[in-house]
PDB file of N, CA and C in Angstrom:
ATOM      1  N   UNK A   1      -9.735  -9.979  -9.933  1.00  0.00           N
ATOM      2  CA  UNK A   1      -9.384 -10.647  -8.696  1.00  0.00           C
ATOM      3  C   UNK A   1      -9.937 -12.071  -8.740  1.00  0.00           C
ATOM      4  N   UNK A   2      -9.081 -13.026  -8.371  1.00  0.00           N
ATOM      5  CA  UNK A   2      -9.493 -14.422  -8.314  1.00  0.00           C
ATOM      6  C   UNK A   2     -10.081 -14.688  -6.932  1.00  0.00           C
ATOM      7  N   UNK A   3     -11.323 -15.170  -6.901  1.00  0.00           N
ATOM      8  CA  UNK A   3     -12.035 -15.369  -5.642  1.00  0.00           C
ATOM      9  C   UNK A   3     -12.118 -16.854  -5.321  1.00  0.00           C
ATOM     10  N   UNK A   4     -11.523 -17.221  -4.186  1.00  0.00           N
ATOM     11  CA  UNK A   4     -11.625 -18.598  -3.701  1.00  0.00           C
ATOM     12  C   UNK A   4     -12.929 -18.726  -2.927  1.00  0.00           C
ATOM     13  N   UNK A   5     -13.632 -19.831  -3.145  1.00  0.00           N
ATOM     14  CA  UNK A   5     -14.940 -20.009  -2.533  1.00  0.00           C
ATOM     15  C   UNK A   5     -15.014 -21.367  -1.840  1.00  0.00           C
ATOM     16  N   UNK A   6     -15.656 -21.386  -0.694  1.00  0.00           N
ATOM     17  CA  UNK A   6     -15.963 -22.642  -0.016  1.00  0.00           C
ATOM     18  C   UNK A   6     -14.843 -23.164   0.847  1.00  0.00           C
ATOM     19  N   UNK A   7     -14.027 -24.028   0.269  1.00  0.00           N
ATOM     20  CA  UNK A   7     -13.045 -24.779   1.042  1.00  0.00           C
ATOM     21  C   UNK A   7     -11.703 -24.792   0.335  1.00  0.00           C
ATOM     22  N   UNK A   8     -10.648 -24.678   1.104  1.00  0.00           N
ATOM     23  CA  UNK A   8      -9.286 -24.893   0.611  1.00  0.00           C
ATOM     24  C   UNK A   8      -8.614 -25.782   1.638  1.00  0.00           C
ATOM     25  N   UNK A   9      -8.708 -27.081   1.384  1.00  0.00           N
ATOM     26  CA  UNK A   9      -8.209 -28.062   2.344  1.00  0.00           C
ATOM     27  C   UNK A   9      -7.708 -29.285   1.593  1.00  0.00           C
ATOM     28  N   UNK A  10      -7.301 -30.246   2.347  1.00  0.00           N
ATOM     29  CA  UNK A  10      -6.803 -31.498   1.781  1.00  0.00           C
ATOM     30  C   UNK A  10      -7.832 -32.122   0.833  1.00  0.00           C
ATOM     31  N   UNK A  11      -9.119 -31.895   1.091  1.00  0.00           N
ATOM     32  CA  UNK A  11     -10.180 -32.489   0.280  1.00  0.00           C
ATOM     33  C   UNK A  11     -10.189 -32.002  -1.164  1.00  0.00           C
ATOM     34  N   UNK A  12      -9.758 -30.753  -1.396  1.00  0.00           N
ATOM     35  CA  UNK A  12      -9.861 -30.204  -2.747  1.00  0.00           C
ATOM     36  C   UNK A  12      -8.643 -29.392  -3.173  1.00  0.00           C
ATOM     37  N   UNK A  13      -7.529 -29.559  -2.504  1.00  0.00           N
ATOM     38  CA  UNK A  13      -6.355 -28.716  -2.768  1.00  0.00           C
ATOM     39  C   UNK A  13      -5.871 -28.829  -4.213  1.00  0.00           C
ATOM     40  N   UNK A  14      -5.820 -30.006  -4.753  1.00  0.00           N
ATOM     41  CA  UNK A  14      -5.332 -30.154  -6.135  1.00  0.00           C
ATOM     42  C   UNK A  14      -6.196 -29.368  -7.111  1.00  0.00           C
ATOM     43  N   UNK A  15      -7.489 -29.454  -6.941  1.00  0.00           N
ATOM     44  CA  UNK A  15      -8.417 -28.726  -7.816  1.00  0.00           C
ATOM     45  C   UNK A  15      -8.249 -27.211  -7.637  1.00  0.00           C
ATOM     46  N   UNK A  16      -8.152 -26.768  -6.386  1.00  0.00           N
ATOM     47  CA  UNK A  16      -7.995 -25.338  -6.112  1.00  0.00           C
ATOM     48  C   UNK A  16      -6.645 -24.823  -6.643  1.00  0.00           C
ATOM     49  N   UNK A  17      -5.593 -25.591  -6.482  1.00  0.00           N
ATOM     50  CA  UNK A  17      -4.281 -25.172  -6.977  1.00  0.00           C
ATOM     51  C   UNK A  17      -4.305 -25.059  -8.498  1.00  0.00           C
ATOM     52  N   UNK A  18      -4.888 -26.037  -9.163  1.00  0.00           N
ATOM     53  CA  UNK A  18      -4.972 -25.992 -10.628  1.00  0.00           C
ATOM     54  C   UNK A  18      -5.770 -24.772 -11.092  1.00  0.00           C
ATOM     55  N   UNK A  19      -6.885 -24.497 -10.435  1.00  0.00           N
ATOM     56  CA  UNK A  19      -7.701 -23.337 -10.798  1.00  0.00           C
ATOM     57  C   UNK A  19      -6.942 -22.037 -10.537  1.00  0.00           C
ATOM     58  N   UNK A  20      -6.227 -21.966  -9.422  1.00  0.00           N
ATOM     59  CA  UNK A  20      -5.436 -20.785  -9.119  1.00  0.00           C
ATOM     60  C   UNK A  20      -4.301 -20.586 -10.114  1.00  0.00           C
ATOM     61  N   UNK A  21      -3.641 -21.667 -10.490  1.00  0.00           N
ATOM     62  CA  UNK A  21      -2.574 -21.564 -11.484  1.00  0.00           C
ATOM     63  C   UNK A  21      -3.119 -21.099 -12.832  1.00  0.00           C
ATOM     64  N   UNK A  22      -4.309 -21.568 -13.192  1.00  0.00           N
ATOM     65  CA  UNK A  22      -4.937 -21.111 -14.434  1.00  0.00           C
ATOM     66  C   UNK A  22      -5.250 -19.619 -14.357  1.00  0.00           C
ATOM     67  N   UNK A  23      -5.714 -19.172 -13.203  1.00  0.00           N
ATOM     68  CA  UNK A  23      -6.010 -17.748 -13.014  1.00  0.00           C
ATOM     69  C   UNK A  23      -4.736 -16.913 -13.137  1.00  0.00           C
ATOM     70  N   UNK A  24      -3.646 -17.385 -12.564  1.00  0.00           N
ATOM     71  CA  UNK A  24      -2.365 -16.686 -12.664  1.00  0.00           C
ATOM     72  C   UNK A  24      -1.926 -16.607 -14.128  1.00  0.00           C
ATOM     73  N   UNK A  25      -2.064 -17.702 -14.845  1.00  0.00           N
ATOM     74  CA  UNK A  25      -1.685 -17.737 -16.259  1.00  0.00           C
ATOM     75  C   UNK A  25      -2.498 -16.728 -17.075  1.00  0.00           C
ATOM     76  N   UNK A  26      -3.719 -16.432 -16.613  1.00  0.00           N
ATOM     77  CA  UNK A  26      -4.580 -15.464 -17.291  1.00  0.00           C
ATOM     78  C   UNK A  26      -4.364 -14.042 -16.787  1.00  0.00           C
ATOM     79  N   UNK A  27      -3.398 -13.864 -15.891  1.00  0.00           N
ATOM     80  CA  UNK A  27      -3.053 -12.529 -15.430  1.00  0.00           C
ATOM     81  C   UNK A  27      -3.652 -12.100 -14.104  1.00  0.00           C
ATOM     82  N   UNK A  28      -4.362 -12.996 -13.426  1.00  0.00           N
ATOM     83  CA  UNK A  28      -4.924 -12.670 -12.113  1.00  0.00           C
ATOM     84  C   UNK A  28      -3.813 -12.745 -11.071  1.00  0.00           C
ATOM     85  N   UNK A  29      -3.579 -11.633 -10.394  1.00  0.00           N
ATOM     86  CA  UNK A  29      -2.509 -11.597  -9.392  1.00  0.00           C
ATOM     87  C   UNK A  29      -3.029 -11.289  -7.997  1.00  0.00           C
ATOM     88  N   UNK A  30      -4.324 -11.082  -7.862  1.00  0.00           N
ATOM     89  CA  UNK A  30      -4.956 -10.813  -6.568  1.00  0.00           C
ATOM     90  C   UNK A  30      -5.897 -11.964  -6.247  1.00  0.00           C
ATOM     91  N   UNK A  31      -5.652 -12.603  -5.118  1.00  0.00           N
ATOM     92  CA  UNK A  31      -6.466 -13.734  -4.677  1.00  0.00           C
ATOM     93  C   UNK A  31      -7.285 -13.290  -3.460  1.00  0.00           C
ATOM     94  N   UNK A  32      -8.585 -13.472  -3.532  1.00  0.00           N
ATOM     95  CA  UNK A  32      -9.509 -13.048  -2.479  1.00  0.00           C
ATOM     96  C   UNK A  32      -9.975 -14.275  -1.692  1.00  0.00           C
ATOM     97  N   UNK A  33      -9.688 -14.291  -0.402  1.00  0.00           N
ATOM     98  CA  UNK A  33     -10.026 -15.413   0.475  1.00  0.00           C
ATOM     99  C   UNK A  33     -11.319 -15.170   1.261  1.00  0.00           C
ATOM    100  N   UNK A  34     -12.020 -14.079   1.003  1.00  0.00           N
ATOM    101  CA  UNK A  34     -13.154 -13.683   1.849  1.00  0.00           C
ATOM    102  C   UNK A  34     -14.309 -14.678   1.851  1.00  0.00           C
ATOM    103  N   UNK A  35     -14.457 -15.487   0.817  1.00  0.00           N
ATOM    104  CA  UNK A  35     -15.558 -16.452   0.764  1.00  0.00           C
ATOM    105  C   UNK A  35     -15.143 -17.875   1.120  1.00  0.00           C
ATOM    106  N   UNK A  36     -13.937 -18.030   1.672  1.00  0.00           N
ATOM    107  CA  UNK A  36     -13.534 -19.358   2.130  1.00  0.00           C
ATOM    108  C   UNK A  36     -14.173 -19.645   3.481  1.00  0.00           C
ATOM    109  N   UNK A  37     -14.809 -20.786   3.579  1.00  0.00           N
ATOM    110  CA  UNK A  37     -15.477 -21.182   4.817  1.00  0.00           C
ATOM    111  C   UNK A  37     -14.643 -22.166   5.622  1.00  0.00           C
ATOM    112  N   UNK A  38     -13.752 -22.892   4.940  1.00  0.00           N
ATOM    113  CA  UNK A  38     -12.948 -23.907   5.624  1.00  0.00           C
ATOM    114  C   UNK A  38     -11.554 -23.939   5.012  1.00  0.00           C
ATOM    115  N   UNK A  39     -10.549 -23.963   5.878  1.00  0.00           N
ATOM    116  CA  UNK A  39      -9.160 -24.118   5.438  1.00  0.00           C
ATOM    117  C   UNK A  39      -8.453 -25.069   6.388  1.00  0.00           C
ATOM    118  N   UNK A  40      -7.347 -25.603   5.926  1.00  0.00           N
ATOM    119  CA  UNK A  40      -6.432 -26.325   6.802  1.00  0.00           C
ATOM    120  C   UNK A  40      -5.016 -25.982   6.360  1.00  0.00           C
ATOM    121  N   UNK A  41      -4.040 -26.672   6.876  1.00  0.00           N
ATOM    122  CA  UNK A  41      -2.649 -26.328   6.566  1.00  0.00           C
ATOM    123  C   UNK A  41      -2.322 -26.507   5.086  1.00  0.00           C
ATOM    124  N   UNK A  42      -3.146 -27.242   4.374  1.00  0.00           N
ATOM    125  CA  UNK A  42      -2.961 -27.396   2.930  1.00  0.00           C
ATOM    126  C   UNK A  42      -3.057 -26.053   2.223  1.00  0.00           C
ATOM    127  N   UNK A  43      -3.775 -25.104   2.811  1.00  0.00           N
ATOM    128  CA  UNK A  43      -3.904 -23.773   2.215  1.00  0.00           C
ATOM    129  C   UNK A  43      -2.541 -23.102   2.097  1.00  0.00           C
ATOM    130  N   UNK A  44      -1.675 -23.308   3.079  1.00  0.00           N
ATOM    131  CA  UNK A  44      -0.333 -22.723   3.032  1.00  0.00           C
ATOM    132  C   UNK A  44       0.449 -23.325   1.864  1.00  0.00           C
ATOM    133  N   UNK A  45       0.380 -24.630   1.712  1.00  0.00           N
ATOM    134  CA  UNK A  45       1.068 -25.292   0.597  1.00  0.00           C
ATOM    135  C   UNK A  45       0.528 -24.800  -0.740  1.00  0.00           C
ATOM    136  N   UNK A  46      -0.767 -24.568  -0.816  1.00  0.00           N
ATOM    137  CA  UNK A  46      -1.380 -24.058  -2.046  1.00  0.00           C
ATOM    138  C   UNK A  46      -0.849 -22.663  -2.364  1.00  0.00           C
ATOM    139  N   UNK A  47      -0.751 -21.835  -1.345  1.00  0.00           N
ATOM    140  CA  UNK A  47      -0.236 -20.484  -1.539  1.00  0.00           C
ATOM    141  C   UNK A  47       1.215 -20.504  -2.006  1.00  0.00           C
ATOM    142  N   UNK A  48       2.000 -21.423  -1.459  1.00  0.00           N
ATOM    143  CA  UNK A  48       3.395 -21.560  -1.881  1.00  0.00           C
ATOM    144  C   UNK A  48       3.446 -21.936  -3.356  1.00  0.00           C
ATOM    145  N   UNK A  49       2.605 -22.858  -3.772  1.00  0.00           N
ATOM    146  CA  UNK A  49       2.562 -23.267  -5.182  1.00  0.00           C
ATOM    147  C   UNK A  49       2.146 -22.105  -6.079  1.00  0.00           C
ATOM    148  N   UNK A  50       1.128 -21.361  -5.673  1.00  0.00           N
ATOM    149  CA  UNK A  50       0.707 -20.205  -6.483  1.00  0.00           C
ATOM    150  C   UNK A  50       1.818 -19.168  -6.567  1.00  0.00           C
ATOM    151  N   UNK A  51       2.507 -18.940  -5.460  1.00  0.00           N
ATOM    152  CA  UNK A  51       3.604 -17.976  -5.454  1.00  0.00           C
ATOM    153  C   UNK A  51       4.720 -18.444  -6.374  1.00  0.00           C
ATOM    154  N   UNK A  52       5.004 -19.728  -6.364  1.00  0.00           N
ATOM    155  CA  UNK A  52       6.023 -20.296  -7.253  1.00  0.00           C
ATOM    156  C   UNK A  52       5.631 -20.087  -8.711  1.00  0.00           C
ATOM    157  N   UNK A  53       4.379 -20.351  -9.021  1.00  0.00           N
ATOM    158  CA  UNK A  53       3.868 -20.167 -10.384  1.00  0.00           C
ATOM    159  C   UNK A  53       4.011 -18.709 -10.814  1.00  0.00           C
ATOM    160  N   UNK A  54       3.621 -17.796  -9.955  1.00  0.00           N
ATOM    161  CA  UNK A  54       3.711 -16.369 -10.268  1.00  0.00           C
ATOM    162  C   UNK A  54       5.167 -15.936 -10.425  1.00  0.00           C
ATOM    163  N   UNK A  55       6.043 -16.449  -9.573  1.00  0.00           N
ATOM    164  CA  UNK A  55       7.462 -16.090  -9.641  1.00  0.00           C
ATOM    165  C   UNK A  55       8.083 -16.512 -10.966  1.00  0.00           C
ATOM    166  N   UNK A  56       7.659 -17.659 -11.474  1.00  0.00           N
ATOM    167  CA  UNK A  56       8.159 -18.114 -12.767  1.00  0.00           C
ATOM    168  C   UNK A  56       7.781 -17.132 -13.871  1.00  0.00           C
ATOM    169  N   UNK A  57       6.666 -16.431 -13.685  1.00  0.00           N
ATOM    170  CA  UNK A  57       6.203 -15.433 -14.654  1.00  0.00           C
ATOM    171  C   UNK A  57       6.695 -14.031 -14.300  1.00  0.00           C
ATOM    172  N   UNK A  58       7.571 -13.962 -13.290  1.00  0.00           N
ATOM    173  CA  UNK A  58       8.102 -12.675 -12.805  1.00  0.00           C
ATOM    174  C   UNK A  58       6.994 -11.750 -12.305  1.00  0.00           C
ATOM    175  N   UNK A  59       6.014 -12.341 -11.629  1.00  0.00           N
ATOM    176  CA  UNK A  59       4.876 -11.605 -11.077  1.00  0.00           C
ATOM    177  C   UNK A  59       4.821 -11.803  -9.570  1.00  0.00           C
ATOM    178  N   UNK A  60       4.109 -10.905  -8.902  1.00  0.00           N
ATOM    179  CA  UNK A  60       3.908 -10.995  -7.458  1.00  0.00           C
ATOM    180  C   UNK A  60       2.426 -11.125  -7.176  1.00  0.00           C
ATOM    181  N   UNK A  61       2.084 -12.074  -6.345  1.00  0.00           N
ATOM    182  CA  UNK A  61       0.688 -12.263  -5.943  1.00  0.00           C
ATOM    183  C   UNK A  61       0.369 -11.443  -4.707  1.00  0.00           C
ATOM    184  N   UNK A  62      -0.883 -11.089  -4.579  1.00  0.00           N
ATOM    185  CA  UNK A  62      -1.399 -10.414  -3.393  1.00  0.00           C
ATOM    186  C   UNK A  62      -2.589 -11.235  -2.900  1.00  0.00           C
ATOM    187  N   UNK A  63      -2.575 -11.573  -1.626  1.00  0.00           N
ATOM    188  CA  UNK A  63      -3.633 -12.375  -1.019  1.00  0.00           C
ATOM    189  C   UNK A  63      -4.465 -11.461  -0.121  1.00  0.00           C
ATOM    190  N   UNK A  64      -5.753 -11.364  -0.409  1.00  0.00           N
ATOM    191  CA  UNK A  64      -6.654 -10.443   0.286  1.00  0.00           C
ATOM    192  C   UNK A  64      -7.632 -11.201   1.188  1.00  0.00           C
ATOM    193  N   UNK A  65      -8.029 -10.549   2.257  1.00  0.00           N
ATOM    194  CA  UNK A  65      -9.018 -11.099   3.204  1.00  0.00           C
ATOM    195  C   UNK A  65      -8.607 -12.480   3.700  1.00  0.00           C
ATOM    196  N   UNK A  66      -7.340 -12.592   4.045  1.00  0.00           N
ATOM    197  CA  UNK A  66      -6.809 -13.863   4.529  1.00  0.00           C
ATOM    198  C   UNK A  66      -7.311 -14.087   5.957  1.00  0.00           C
ATOM    199  N   UNK A  67      -7.977 -15.227   6.203  1.00  0.00           N
ATOM    200  CA  UNK A  67      -8.500 -15.500   7.546  1.00  0.00           C
ATOM    201  C   UNK A  67      -7.389 -15.517   8.602  1.00  0.00           C
ATOM    202  N   UNK A  68      -7.731 -15.081   9.796  1.00  0.00           N
ATOM    203  CA  UNK A  68      -6.763 -15.030  10.897  1.00  0.00           C
ATOM    204  C   UNK A  68      -6.131 -16.399  11.157  1.00  0.00           C
ATOM    205  N   UNK A  69      -6.911 -17.454  11.020  1.00  0.00           N
ATOM    206  CA  UNK A  69      -6.368 -18.798  11.251  1.00  0.00           C
ATOM    207  C   UNK A  69      -5.272 -19.141  10.238  1.00  0.00           C
ATOM    208  N   UNK A  70      -5.440 -18.681   9.008  1.00  0.00           N
ATOM    209  CA  UNK A  70      -4.429 -18.932   7.984  1.00  0.00           C
ATOM    210  C   UNK A  70      -3.205 -18.043   8.211  1.00  0.00           C
ATOM    211  N   UNK A  71      -3.423 -16.805   8.603  1.00  0.00           N
ATOM    212  CA  UNK A  71      -2.301 -15.924   8.949  1.00  0.00           C
ATOM    213  C   UNK A  71      -1.493 -16.547  10.086  1.00  0.00           C
ATOM    214  N   UNK A  72      -2.172 -17.119  11.066  1.00  0.00           N
ATOM    215  CA  UNK A  72      -1.489 -17.777  12.185  1.00  0.00           C
ATOM    216  C   UNK A  72      -0.639 -18.952  11.717  1.00  0.00           C
ATOM    217  N   UNK A  73      -1.170 -19.749  10.797  1.00  0.00           N
ATOM    218  CA  UNK A  73      -0.400 -20.871  10.256  1.00  0.00           C
ATOM    219  C   UNK A  73       0.838 -20.376   9.513  1.00  0.00           C
ATOM    220  N   UNK A  74       0.669 -19.334   8.724  1.00  0.00           N
ATOM    221  CA  UNK A  74       1.783 -18.768   7.970  1.00  0.00           C
ATOM    222  C   UNK A  74       2.859 -18.275   8.928  1.00  0.00           C
ATOM    223  N   UNK A  75       2.448 -17.625  10.015  1.00  0.00           N
ATOM    224  CA  UNK A  75       3.405 -17.159  11.023  1.00  0.00           C
ATOM    225  C   UNK A  75       4.078 -18.338  11.719  1.00  0.00           C
ATOM    226  N   UNK A  76       3.304 -19.360  12.053  1.00  0.00           N
ATOM    227  CA  UNK A  76       3.840 -20.545  12.711  1.00  0.00           C
ATOM    228  C   UNK A  76       4.934 -21.201  11.874  1.00  0.00           C
ATOM    229  N   UNK A  77       4.726 -21.243  10.560  1.00  0.00           N
ATOM    230  CA  UNK A  77       5.695 -21.859   9.659  1.00  0.00           C
ATOM    231  C   UNK A  77       6.833 -20.922   9.276  1.00  0.00           C
ATOM    232  N   UNK A  78       6.822 -19.682   9.789  1.00  0.00           N
ATOM    233  CA  UNK A  78       7.891 -18.732   9.506  1.00  0.00           C
ATOM    234  C   UNK A  78       7.893 -18.220   8.075  1.00  0.00           C
ATOM    235  N   UNK A  79       6.702 -18.121   7.471  1.00  0.00           N
ATOM    236  CA  UNK A  79       6.602 -17.742   6.068  1.00  0.00           C
ATOM    237  C   UNK A  79       5.998 -16.365   5.840  1.00  0.00           C
ATOM    238  N   UNK A  80       5.893 -15.571   6.879  1.00  0.00           N
ATOM    239  CA  UNK A  80       5.234 -14.273   6.770  1.00  0.00           C
ATOM    240  C   UNK A  80       5.833 -13.420   5.656  1.00  0.00           C
ATOM    241  N   UNK A  81       7.133 -13.413   5.523  1.00  0.00           N
ATOM    242  CA  UNK A  81       7.794 -12.600   4.516  1.00  0.00           C
ATOM    243  C   UNK A  81       7.666 -13.122   3.096  1.00  0.00           C
ATOM    244  N   UNK A  82       7.116 -14.303   2.936  1.00  0.00           N
ATOM    245  CA  UNK A  82       6.999 -14.905   1.606  1.00  0.00           C
ATOM    246  C   UNK A  82       5.780 -14.435   0.824  1.00  0.00           C
ATOM    247  N   UNK A  83       4.822 -13.833   1.522  1.00  0.00           N
ATOM    248  CA  UNK A  83       3.547 -13.496   0.891  1.00  0.00           C
ATOM    249  C   UNK A  83       3.179 -12.032   1.102  1.00  0.00           C
ATOM    250  N   UNK A  84       2.465 -11.466   0.143  1.00  0.00           N
ATOM    251  CA  UNK A  84       1.841 -10.147   0.279  1.00  0.00           C
ATOM    252  C   UNK A  84       0.443 -10.416   0.809  1.00  0.00           C
ATOM    253  N   UNK A  85       0.227 -10.174   2.118  1.00  0.00           N
ATOM    254  CA  UNK A  85      -1.033 -10.513   2.776  1.00  0.00           C
ATOM    255  C   UNK A  85      -1.810  -9.286   3.206  1.00  0.00           C
ATOM    256  N   UNK A  86      -3.123  -9.352   3.017  1.00  0.00           N
ATOM    257  CA  UNK A  86      -4.047  -8.400   3.621  1.00  0.00           C
ATOM    258  C   UNK A  86      -5.006  -9.228   4.472  1.00  0.00           C
ATOM    259  N   UNK A  87      -4.851  -9.219   5.793  1.00  0.00           N
ATOM    260  CA  UNK A  87      -5.723 -10.035   6.647  1.00  0.00           C
ATOM    261  C   UNK A  87      -7.187  -9.617   6.521  1.00  0.00           C
ATOM    262  N   UNK A  88      -8.062 -10.566   6.800  1.00  0.00           N
ATOM    263  CA  UNK A  88      -9.493 -10.289   6.812  1.00  0.00           C
ATOM    264  C   UNK A  88      -9.793  -9.279   7.920  1.00  0.00           C
ATOM    265  N   UNK A  89     -10.763  -8.420   7.663  1.00  0.00           N
ATOM    266  CA  UNK A  89     -11.183  -7.468   8.694  1.00  0.00           C
ATOM    267  C   UNK A  89     -11.997  -8.183   9.739  1.00  0.00           C
ATOM    268  N   UNK A  90     -11.811  -7.790  10.971  1.00  0.00           N
ATOM    269  CA  UNK A  90     -12.598  -8.376  12.071  1.00  0.00           C
ATOM    270  C   UNK A  90     -13.906  -7.632  12.197  1.00  0.00           C
ATOM    271  N   UNK A  91     -14.934  -8.379  12.494  1.00  0.00           N
ATOM    272  CA  UNK A  91     -16.265  -7.773  12.682  1.00  0.00           C
ATOM    273  C   UNK A  91     -16.710  -7.883  14.114  1.00  0.00           C
TER     274      UNK A  91
END
């Protein structure tokens, strides 16, 4: 499982996308969002890019522990059906 840590935002999206694409190329198809502390709408664009990368390899990604704020953005943009999502558990 590929674990995203810290931030996925405009500040570091290119770096995070490149790292995620490298993980996909190595066969990682599960992305864990549980250690992300900060996201913005750039996270949705990053997920679209990762999904595109996986689709080119005829693979499907699964996104785990997706923060509620990111799920809300995905719903707002009408992209719910584009991703395999497991929302973060509420505590």
